[in-house]
Protein backbone atom coordinates (compact mmCIF):
# COMPACT_ATOMS: atom_id res chain seq x y z
CA MET A 1 20.83 -105.52 -6.22
CA ALA A 2 22.40 -102.54 -7.62
CA SER A 3 20.82 -99.60 -8.16
CA THR A 4 19.07 -98.04 -11.77
CA LEU A 5 18.96 -94.56 -10.49
CA PRO A 6 21.10 -91.58 -11.84
CA THR A 7 23.82 -90.81 -9.56
CA ALA A 8 22.24 -87.80 -9.25
CA VAL A 9 19.59 -88.74 -7.55
CA GLU A 10 20.90 -90.65 -5.07
CA ASN A 11 23.04 -87.55 -4.49
CA PHE A 12 19.55 -85.42 -3.76
CA GLN A 13 18.35 -88.63 -1.71
CA ARG A 14 21.21 -88.43 0.63
CA TYR A 15 20.98 -84.85 0.47
CA LEU A 16 17.53 -84.80 1.55
CA ARG A 17 18.42 -87.19 4.25
CA ILE A 18 20.59 -84.52 6.21
CA LYS A 19 18.31 -83.14 8.87
CA THR A 20 18.86 -79.55 8.69
CA VAL A 21 15.50 -79.21 10.21
CA GLN A 22 14.80 -76.38 12.46
CA PRO A 23 15.47 -75.42 15.33
CA GLN A 24 18.19 -77.71 15.51
CA PRO A 25 19.56 -77.93 11.92
CA ASP A 26 22.16 -80.31 11.57
CA TYR A 27 24.04 -77.99 9.24
CA LEU A 28 27.65 -79.36 10.38
CA ALA A 29 26.40 -82.55 8.33
CA CYS A 30 25.72 -80.25 5.57
CA THR A 31 28.45 -78.37 5.07
CA GLN A 32 30.36 -81.65 5.10
CA PHE A 33 28.68 -83.26 2.39
CA LEU A 34 28.73 -80.06 0.30
CA LYS A 35 32.79 -79.95 0.77
CA LEU A 36 32.98 -83.60 -0.25
CA HIS A 37 31.16 -82.58 -3.34
CA ALA A 38 32.68 -79.31 -4.12
CA GLU A 39 36.10 -81.56 -4.04
CA GLU A 40 34.77 -84.35 -6.12
CA LEU A 41 33.85 -81.32 -8.67
CA GLY A 42 37.62 -80.06 -7.61
CA LEU A 43 35.70 -76.47 -7.22
CA PRO A 44 37.36 -74.65 -3.94
CA CYS A 45 34.75 -74.60 -1.12
CA THR A 46 34.88 -71.52 1.33
CA VAL A 47 32.94 -71.67 4.81
CA ILE A 48 31.54 -68.69 6.69
CA GLU A 49 30.05 -68.34 9.35
CA VAL A 50 27.92 -65.54 9.87
CA LYS A 51 27.46 -66.07 13.28
CA PRO A 52 28.57 -68.80 15.33
CA GLY A 53 27.12 -72.21 14.08
CA LYS A 54 25.83 -69.90 11.23
CA PRO A 55 27.88 -71.65 7.99
CA VAL A 56 27.02 -69.87 4.23
CA VAL A 57 29.02 -72.50 1.83
CA ILE A 58 30.23 -71.19 -1.06
CA ILE A 59 31.09 -73.16 -4.07
CA THR A 60 32.65 -71.38 -6.65
CA TRP A 61 33.62 -72.01 -10.49
CA GLU A 62 36.03 -69.57 -11.78
CA GLY A 63 35.08 -68.31 -14.88
CA LYS A 64 37.95 -66.43 -18.21
CA ASP A 65 37.26 -63.65 -16.85
CA PRO A 66 37.20 -63.15 -12.86
CA SER A 67 36.56 -59.17 -13.76
CA LEU A 68 33.24 -59.53 -14.60
CA SER A 69 30.52 -59.66 -12.51
CA SER A 70 29.76 -63.13 -11.33
CA ILE A 71 26.33 -65.32 -11.51
CA GLY A 72 25.15 -65.96 -8.09
CA LEU A 73 23.06 -69.27 -7.54
CA ASN A 74 21.53 -69.06 -4.17
CA SER A 75 19.60 -71.64 -1.70
CA HIS A 76 18.98 -72.45 2.04
CA THR A 77 20.10 -75.50 3.30
CA ASP A 78 17.36 -75.56 6.46
CA VAL A 79 13.80 -76.99 6.42
CA VAL A 80 10.74 -76.58 8.20
CA PRO A 81 9.74 -78.97 11.35
CA VAL A 82 7.58 -81.61 10.44
CA TYR A 83 4.59 -83.27 12.33
CA ARG A 84 5.65 -86.42 11.67
CA ASP A 85 1.73 -88.53 12.29
CA HIS A 86 0.44 -86.48 9.38
CA TRP A 87 3.03 -88.09 7.13
CA THR A 88 2.67 -91.70 5.50
CA HIS A 89 6.81 -91.68 4.56
CA ASP A 90 9.58 -90.79 6.76
CA PRO A 91 10.47 -87.00 6.10
CA PHE A 92 14.00 -87.55 6.05
CA ALA A 93 14.27 -90.67 4.69
CA ALA A 94 13.96 -89.33 0.97
CA GLU A 95 11.65 -92.14 -0.01
CA ILE A 96 11.03 -93.45 -3.62
CA VAL A 97 7.73 -94.31 -4.29
CA THR A 98 5.39 -94.53 -7.28
CA ASP A 99 2.13 -93.51 -8.25
CA ASP A 100 -0.70 -94.95 -9.79
CA GLN A 101 0.76 -92.88 -12.71
CA GLY A 102 4.01 -94.63 -13.04
CA GLU A 103 5.30 -91.58 -11.18
CA GLN A 104 8.31 -91.93 -8.80
CA ARG A 105 7.86 -89.93 -5.85
CA ILE A 106 10.81 -88.88 -3.72
CA TYR A 107 9.16 -87.98 -0.48
CA ALA A 108 10.83 -85.48 1.89
CA ARG A 109 11.28 -82.66 3.84
CA GLY A 110 12.65 -79.82 1.95
CA THR A 111 11.96 -81.83 -1.51
CA GLN A 112 10.34 -78.40 -2.93
CA ASP A 113 11.20 -75.56 -0.07
CA MET A 114 13.78 -75.05 -1.35
CA LYS A 115 16.45 -78.82 -1.70
CA ILE A 116 15.81 -79.46 -5.32
CA VAL A 117 17.10 -75.67 -6.29
CA GLY A 118 20.49 -76.31 -4.39
CA TRP A 119 21.11 -79.57 -5.75
CA GLY A 120 19.94 -79.02 -9.34
CA TYR A 121 22.38 -76.20 -9.25
CA LEU A 122 25.27 -78.37 -8.28
CA GLU A 123 24.46 -81.55 -10.65
CA ALA A 124 23.70 -79.22 -13.23
CA ILE A 125 27.82 -77.77 -12.85
CA ARG A 126 28.52 -81.25 -12.43
CA ASN A 127 27.19 -81.88 -15.88
CA LEU A 128 28.37 -78.72 -17.57
CA LYS A 129 32.03 -79.55 -15.84
CA ALA A 130 31.92 -83.05 -17.25
CA ALA A 131 31.64 -81.74 -20.80
CA GLY A 132 34.51 -79.63 -20.80
CA HIS A 133 32.35 -76.75 -20.15
CA ARG A 134 33.98 -73.38 -19.03
CA PHE A 135 32.12 -69.83 -18.79
CA LEU A 136 32.95 -66.47 -19.23
CA ARG A 137 31.44 -65.25 -15.86
CA THR A 138 32.22 -66.97 -12.42
CA VAL A 139 29.79 -68.83 -10.73
CA HIS A 140 28.93 -68.73 -7.30
CA LEU A 141 26.75 -71.20 -5.68
CA LEU A 142 25.71 -70.32 -2.35
CA PHE A 143 24.45 -72.24 0.64
CA VAL A 144 22.90 -70.03 3.52
CA PRO A 145 21.07 -71.13 6.86
CA ASP A 146 18.16 -70.04 8.56
CA GLU A 147 16.15 -68.73 6.09
CA GLU A 148 13.50 -70.68 7.40
CA ILE A 149 13.53 -68.60 10.21
CA GLY A 150 13.98 -65.35 9.11
CA SER A 151 17.24 -65.15 7.95
CA GLU A 152 18.14 -63.11 11.29
CA GLU A 153 21.77 -65.14 11.16
CA GLY A 154 21.51 -65.82 7.21
CA MET A 155 21.24 -63.68 4.18
CA LYS A 156 20.28 -60.21 6.28
CA VAL A 157 23.29 -60.68 7.76
CA PHE A 158 25.72 -61.98 4.99
CA VAL A 159 24.44 -59.45 2.79
CA HIS A 160 26.36 -56.58 4.45
CA GLN A 161 29.87 -58.87 4.69
CA PRO A 162 32.76 -57.91 2.87
CA GLU A 163 33.10 -62.04 1.74
CA PHE A 164 29.55 -61.24 -0.28
CA LYS A 165 31.09 -57.88 -1.59
CA ALA A 166 33.42 -59.25 -2.52
CA LEU A 167 31.76 -61.81 -4.69
CA ASN A 168 30.76 -59.43 -7.14
CA ILE A 169 27.59 -60.56 -7.84
CA GLY A 170 25.80 -58.95 -11.07
CA PHE A 171 22.55 -61.17 -11.10
CA MET A 172 21.55 -64.11 -8.80
CA LEU A 173 19.01 -66.85 -8.66
CA ASP A 174 17.23 -67.84 -6.04
CA GLU A 175 13.73 -69.89 -5.12
CA GLY A 176 10.23 -69.67 -6.17
CA VAL A 177 7.46 -72.04 -5.58
CA ALA A 178 5.64 -75.18 -7.32
CA ASN A 179 2.97 -74.26 -9.88
CA PRO A 180 0.34 -77.51 -10.38
CA ASP A 181 -0.13 -75.72 -14.07
CA ASP A 182 2.52 -76.37 -17.12
CA ALA A 183 4.87 -73.68 -16.45
CA TYR A 184 7.49 -72.63 -13.95
CA TYR A 185 6.80 -69.11 -11.72
CA VAL A 186 9.12 -66.57 -12.02
CA PHE A 187 9.13 -64.21 -9.38
CA TYR A 188 10.77 -60.65 -9.79
CA ALA A 189 8.78 -58.61 -6.76
CA GLU A 190 7.91 -60.34 -3.40
CA LYS A 191 5.59 -58.80 -0.34
CA SER A 192 7.08 -57.07 2.67
CA ALA A 193 7.22 -58.92 5.74
CA TRP A 194 5.34 -56.30 8.63
CA TRP A 195 5.32 -58.20 11.87
CA THR A 196 3.50 -56.32 13.83
CA ARG A 197 2.35 -56.72 17.69
CA LEU A 198 -0.29 -55.01 18.97
CA ARG A 199 -0.82 -54.12 23.12
CA ALA A 200 -3.65 -52.18 24.87
CA GLU A 201 -3.43 -51.85 28.34
CA GLY A 202 -6.83 -51.21 30.74
CA GLN A 203 -8.80 -51.76 33.92
CA THR A 204 -8.27 -54.50 35.88
CA GLY A 205 -11.13 -55.89 38.41
CA HIS A 206 -13.96 -58.70 38.86
CA GLY A 207 -15.15 -60.76 35.42
CA SER A 208 -18.43 -60.14 36.84
CA GLN A 209 -18.36 -56.38 36.95
CA PHE A 210 -18.83 -53.99 33.78
CA ILE A 211 -15.97 -52.71 34.18
CA PRO A 212 -14.84 -49.61 31.66
CA ASN A 213 -12.03 -48.71 29.77
CA THR A 214 -10.51 -52.64 29.35
CA ALA A 215 -7.87 -53.78 27.51
CA VAL A 216 -10.21 -56.09 25.18
CA SER A 217 -12.89 -52.81 24.34
CA LYS A 218 -9.65 -50.98 22.87
CA LEU A 219 -8.11 -53.79 21.13
CA MET A 220 -10.90 -55.52 19.35
CA PRO A 221 -11.90 -52.43 17.32
CA MET A 222 -8.70 -51.75 15.68
CA LEU A 223 -8.59 -55.79 15.23
CA ASN A 224 -11.76 -55.50 13.55
CA THR A 225 -11.07 -52.62 11.15
CA LEU A 226 -7.73 -55.06 10.34
CA LEU A 227 -9.53 -58.06 9.58
CA GLU A 228 -12.55 -56.01 7.56
CA PHE A 229 -9.33 -54.05 5.77
CA ARG A 230 -8.13 -58.27 5.12
CA ALA A 231 -11.44 -59.49 4.11
CA LYS A 232 -11.43 -56.42 1.30
CA GLU A 233 -8.29 -57.70 0.21
CA ALA A 234 -9.30 -61.28 -0.31
CA LYS A 235 -12.24 -60.78 -2.59
CA ARG A 236 -10.41 -58.54 -4.52
CA LEU A 237 -8.42 -61.17 -5.07
CA LEU A 238 -11.18 -64.07 -5.40
CA ASP A 239 -13.32 -61.52 -7.86
CA GLY A 240 -10.40 -62.29 -10.28
CA GLY A 241 -9.86 -58.81 -11.43
CA VAL A 242 -6.98 -56.68 -12.97
CA ASN A 243 -4.22 -54.69 -11.40
CA GLU A 244 -5.05 -50.74 -12.25
CA ASP A 245 -1.06 -50.01 -13.38
CA ASP A 246 -0.39 -52.95 -16.20
CA GLN A 247 -3.90 -54.84 -16.19
CA THR A 248 -2.47 -57.70 -15.45
CA PRO A 249 -4.83 -60.53 -13.48
CA ILE A 250 -4.87 -59.92 -10.04
CA ARG A 251 -2.57 -62.76 -8.14
CA PRO A 252 -1.96 -63.56 -4.45
CA GLY A 253 1.19 -61.36 -4.42
CA ASP A 254 -0.54 -58.77 -5.76
CA VAL A 255 -2.31 -57.92 -2.96
CA THR A 256 -1.70 -57.26 0.85
CA SER A 257 -2.34 -60.30 3.50
CA LEU A 258 -3.17 -59.94 7.20
CA ASN A 259 -4.06 -62.63 9.49
CA LEU A 260 -3.68 -62.80 12.96
CA THR A 261 -1.34 -65.05 14.29
CA MET A 262 -1.01 -64.85 18.00
CA LEU A 263 -3.39 -63.68 20.82
CA ASN A 264 -2.70 -63.30 24.48
CA GLY A 265 -3.91 -61.85 27.79
CA GLY A 266 -5.53 -62.26 30.73
CA THR A 267 -4.67 -64.65 34.12
CA GLN A 268 -7.26 -66.50 34.69
CA VAL A 269 -11.20 -67.37 33.97
CA ASN A 270 -12.65 -64.25 35.96
CA VAL A 271 -10.11 -61.84 36.34
CA VAL A 272 -10.86 -58.92 33.43
CA PRO A 273 -7.25 -58.89 32.17
CA GLU A 274 -5.29 -55.74 32.41
CA SER A 275 -3.33 -56.09 29.11
CA ILE A 276 -3.70 -58.00 26.02
CA GLU A 277 -1.31 -58.45 23.09
CA ALA A 278 -1.84 -59.75 19.13
CA ASN A 279 0.91 -60.65 16.53
CA VAL A 280 -0.62 -59.83 13.20
CA ASP A 281 1.78 -60.93 10.04
CA ILE A 282 1.00 -58.23 7.50
CA ARG A 283 2.72 -58.97 4.21
CA VAL A 284 2.69 -55.74 1.93
CA THR A 285 2.66 -56.38 -1.53
CA PRO A 286 4.97 -53.36 -3.57
CA ARG A 287 2.42 -52.52 -5.38
CA ALA A 288 1.07 -50.56 -2.26
CA ASP A 289 1.64 -47.14 -1.14
CA PHE A 290 3.69 -48.42 1.90
CA GLU A 291 4.33 -45.13 3.98
CA GLU A 292 0.30 -44.09 3.30
CA PHE A 293 -0.18 -47.88 4.83
CA ARG A 294 1.96 -47.40 7.25
CA GLN A 295 0.15 -44.43 8.62
CA TRP A 296 -3.01 -45.94 8.38
CA LEU A 297 -1.96 -48.44 10.91
CA GLU A 298 -0.29 -45.87 13.26
CA SER A 299 -3.69 -43.95 13.32
CA LEU A 300 -5.36 -46.90 13.78
CA ALA A 301 -3.71 -47.84 17.11
CA GLN A 302 -3.69 -44.34 17.99
CA LYS A 303 -7.49 -43.59 17.88
CA HIS A 304 -7.59 -47.44 19.69
CA ASP A 305 -5.37 -46.24 22.61
CA VAL A 306 -3.16 -49.23 21.70
CA LYS A 307 0.62 -49.36 21.18
CA LEU A 308 2.03 -50.53 18.13
CA GLU A 309 5.67 -52.22 17.58
CA PHE A 310 7.21 -53.75 14.15
CA ILE A 311 8.87 -56.87 15.10
CA GLN A 312 10.05 -57.04 11.76
CA TYR A 313 9.29 -54.32 8.86
CA MET A 314 10.58 -54.25 5.37
CA ALA A 315 10.02 -50.87 3.75
CA ASN A 316 11.60 -51.33 0.44
CA ARG A 317 9.56 -52.37 -2.53
CA ASN A 318 12.76 -53.81 -4.76
CA VAL A 319 11.85 -54.54 -7.96
CA THR A 320 13.65 -56.63 -10.92
CA SER A 321 12.95 -54.99 -13.30
CA LEU A 322 11.99 -57.39 -16.42
CA LYS A 323 12.07 -54.98 -19.08
CA ASP A 324 15.25 -54.32 -20.97
CA ASN A 325 16.84 -56.86 -18.68
CA PRO A 326 19.90 -59.26 -20.42
CA TRP A 327 19.25 -61.79 -17.73
CA TRP A 328 15.83 -62.16 -18.13
CA ASP A 329 16.26 -62.58 -21.58
CA ILE A 330 18.81 -65.51 -21.24
CA ILE A 331 16.36 -67.32 -19.27
CA GLN A 332 13.13 -66.95 -21.58
CA GLU A 333 15.52 -68.32 -24.31
CA ALA A 334 16.64 -71.22 -22.14
CA SER A 335 12.93 -72.08 -20.98
CA LYS A 336 11.86 -71.88 -25.10
CA GLU A 337 14.82 -74.22 -26.05
CA LEU A 338 13.43 -76.78 -23.69
CA GLY A 339 9.38 -76.21 -24.07
CA ILE A 340 9.19 -74.84 -21.11
CA THR A 341 6.50 -71.70 -20.27
CA LEU A 342 6.97 -69.26 -17.92
CA ASP A 343 4.60 -67.57 -15.89
CA THR A 344 5.86 -63.78 -14.23
CA GLY A 345 4.53 -62.60 -11.15
CA ILE A 346 5.30 -61.31 -7.36
CA PHE A 347 6.33 -63.75 -4.71
CA PRO A 348 3.27 -64.17 -2.11
CA GLY A 349 5.56 -64.82 1.19
CA ALA A 350 9.70 -63.94 1.58
CA THR A 351 12.76 -65.02 0.49
CA ASP A 352 16.12 -64.36 0.96
CA ALA A 353 15.95 -62.05 -2.05
CA ARG A 354 14.33 -59.17 -0.14
CA PHE A 355 18.04 -58.81 1.28
CA VAL A 356 20.03 -58.91 -1.86
CA ARG A 357 17.38 -56.61 -3.78
CA PRO A 358 18.41 -53.95 -1.69
CA ALA A 359 22.27 -54.20 -2.66
CA GLY A 360 21.29 -53.10 -5.80
CA ILE A 361 21.47 -57.08 -7.27
CA PRO A 362 18.72 -58.16 -9.79
CA VAL A 363 17.33 -61.67 -8.85
CA LEU A 364 14.88 -64.10 -9.77
CA GLY A 365 13.07 -66.65 -7.90
CA ILE A 366 12.45 -69.79 -9.77
CA SER A 367 11.71 -72.92 -8.82
CA PRO A 368 11.72 -75.51 -11.73
CA LEU A 369 8.51 -77.59 -10.37
CA ARG A 370 6.10 -77.25 -12.53
CA ASN A 371 2.84 -79.40 -12.98
CA THR A 372 3.50 -80.25 -9.19
CA PRO A 373 0.90 -79.53 -5.89
CA ILE A 374 2.19 -76.82 -3.79
CA LEU A 375 3.86 -79.08 -0.91
CA LEU A 376 6.50 -76.35 1.04
CA HIS A 377 5.87 -76.60 4.48
CA ASP A 378 2.84 -79.33 4.04
CA ASN A 379 2.37 -82.94 4.67
CA ASP A 380 4.03 -85.42 2.30
CA GLU A 381 6.04 -83.36 0.37
CA TYR A 382 7.27 -84.70 -2.64
CA VAL A 383 8.67 -84.45 -6.05
CA THR A 384 9.32 -86.64 -8.73
CA VAL A 385 12.33 -87.89 -9.96
CA LYS A 386 11.12 -87.39 -13.47
CA THR A 387 10.42 -82.97 -11.84
CA PHE A 388 14.40 -83.52 -10.64
CA LEU A 389 15.98 -84.50 -13.98
CA GLU A 390 14.26 -82.01 -15.89
CA ALA A 391 15.55 -78.91 -12.72
CA ILE A 392 19.15 -80.28 -13.64
CA ALA A 393 18.74 -79.95 -17.63
CA PHE A 394 16.96 -76.58 -17.00
CA TYR A 395 19.80 -75.21 -15.15
CA GLU A 396 22.52 -76.43 -17.20
CA LYS A 397 20.45 -74.34 -20.12
CA VAL A 398 20.10 -71.21 -18.09
CA ILE A 399 23.56 -71.04 -16.22
CA SER A 400 24.93 -71.68 -19.59
CA GLY A 401 23.39 -68.71 -20.78
CA LEU A 402 23.98 -66.48 -17.86
CA ALA A 403 27.81 -67.41 -17.18
CA ASN A 404 28.49 -66.64 -21.00
CA ASN A 405 26.30 -63.30 -21.75
CA LYS A 406 28.61 -60.69 -22.55
CA PRO A 407 28.97 -57.11 -20.39
């Protein structure tokens, strides 16, 4: 029986079935798939390996005036691993299942994070080209690797390469997150990841003795202080107050999160360890005083004789201002025409935008997912067919406005 699904949905399913899952993403198959669709669209496709086996795929739609700064539409191609036993549907089959409300759900890893965004861009451009449009500015679709593992061989490297600078990007869209409410989240900044390793060393001995000056006795007081700070930040969020500077409601992006994620030490149960190590995932809100917060961490470490090392340290608080921002005005107008509400804030996690904003390029993070449970990295991740088709319509309107923005 012939499929009654729109071709765009079938293409999306094929994209989802490509196993770009960490730690061994099939970037080769993904690149070939993207090149095939670029060829169908009659658009040039460039593949740049920022590192061996780490391709950035760029599909370019040239504008009438290539001298103007271009529009960048960024998405990452990799997805996180799955716990197959916890999925009710094959995470790489992109199966469509009708729910109790009659909505068609597409179940697959990467539906929300973030293949709906990348494929939404592409299908929007397909429709715009088919309608005979050509815009003032050049549009670049960027499909980048390794965002899910820190972008060490992805955008973090690519943004400094001459091939990126040659794109002459004046504004970029990137990812956001699903919203259970009836609005699209728009993120103009994000927390800075401070992945911290704490290591304490002390005297060792038999587990039956009261050994003085142990590694544990040094590390635990510092961890307890950090966890007290965590509790205070969580309380600020849960109490539902407002930010002092602009009186907006406090949300996850407005507080600094902290989690003890790894704890290692010891050789066996009856030996006091000579060293113990903890990894702490700290996400610092751009509303915080970075220098003051770092000094506090360093003073704690010194006080308790703990060695502090930053595994990852992003010390910038780059924010894309929404004030007097013509790009933002265009997105607002397009959304208004479509009857879509926008809800702005600071992204609580990290995206590739953290590498692009410091290059002086304004970036807004939007995933066109409203009335959708947040399932990124979760079991049974899905989007509905209706949501995907709405995403395409949203990008058609937004891309048209951005690419025709006069200097």
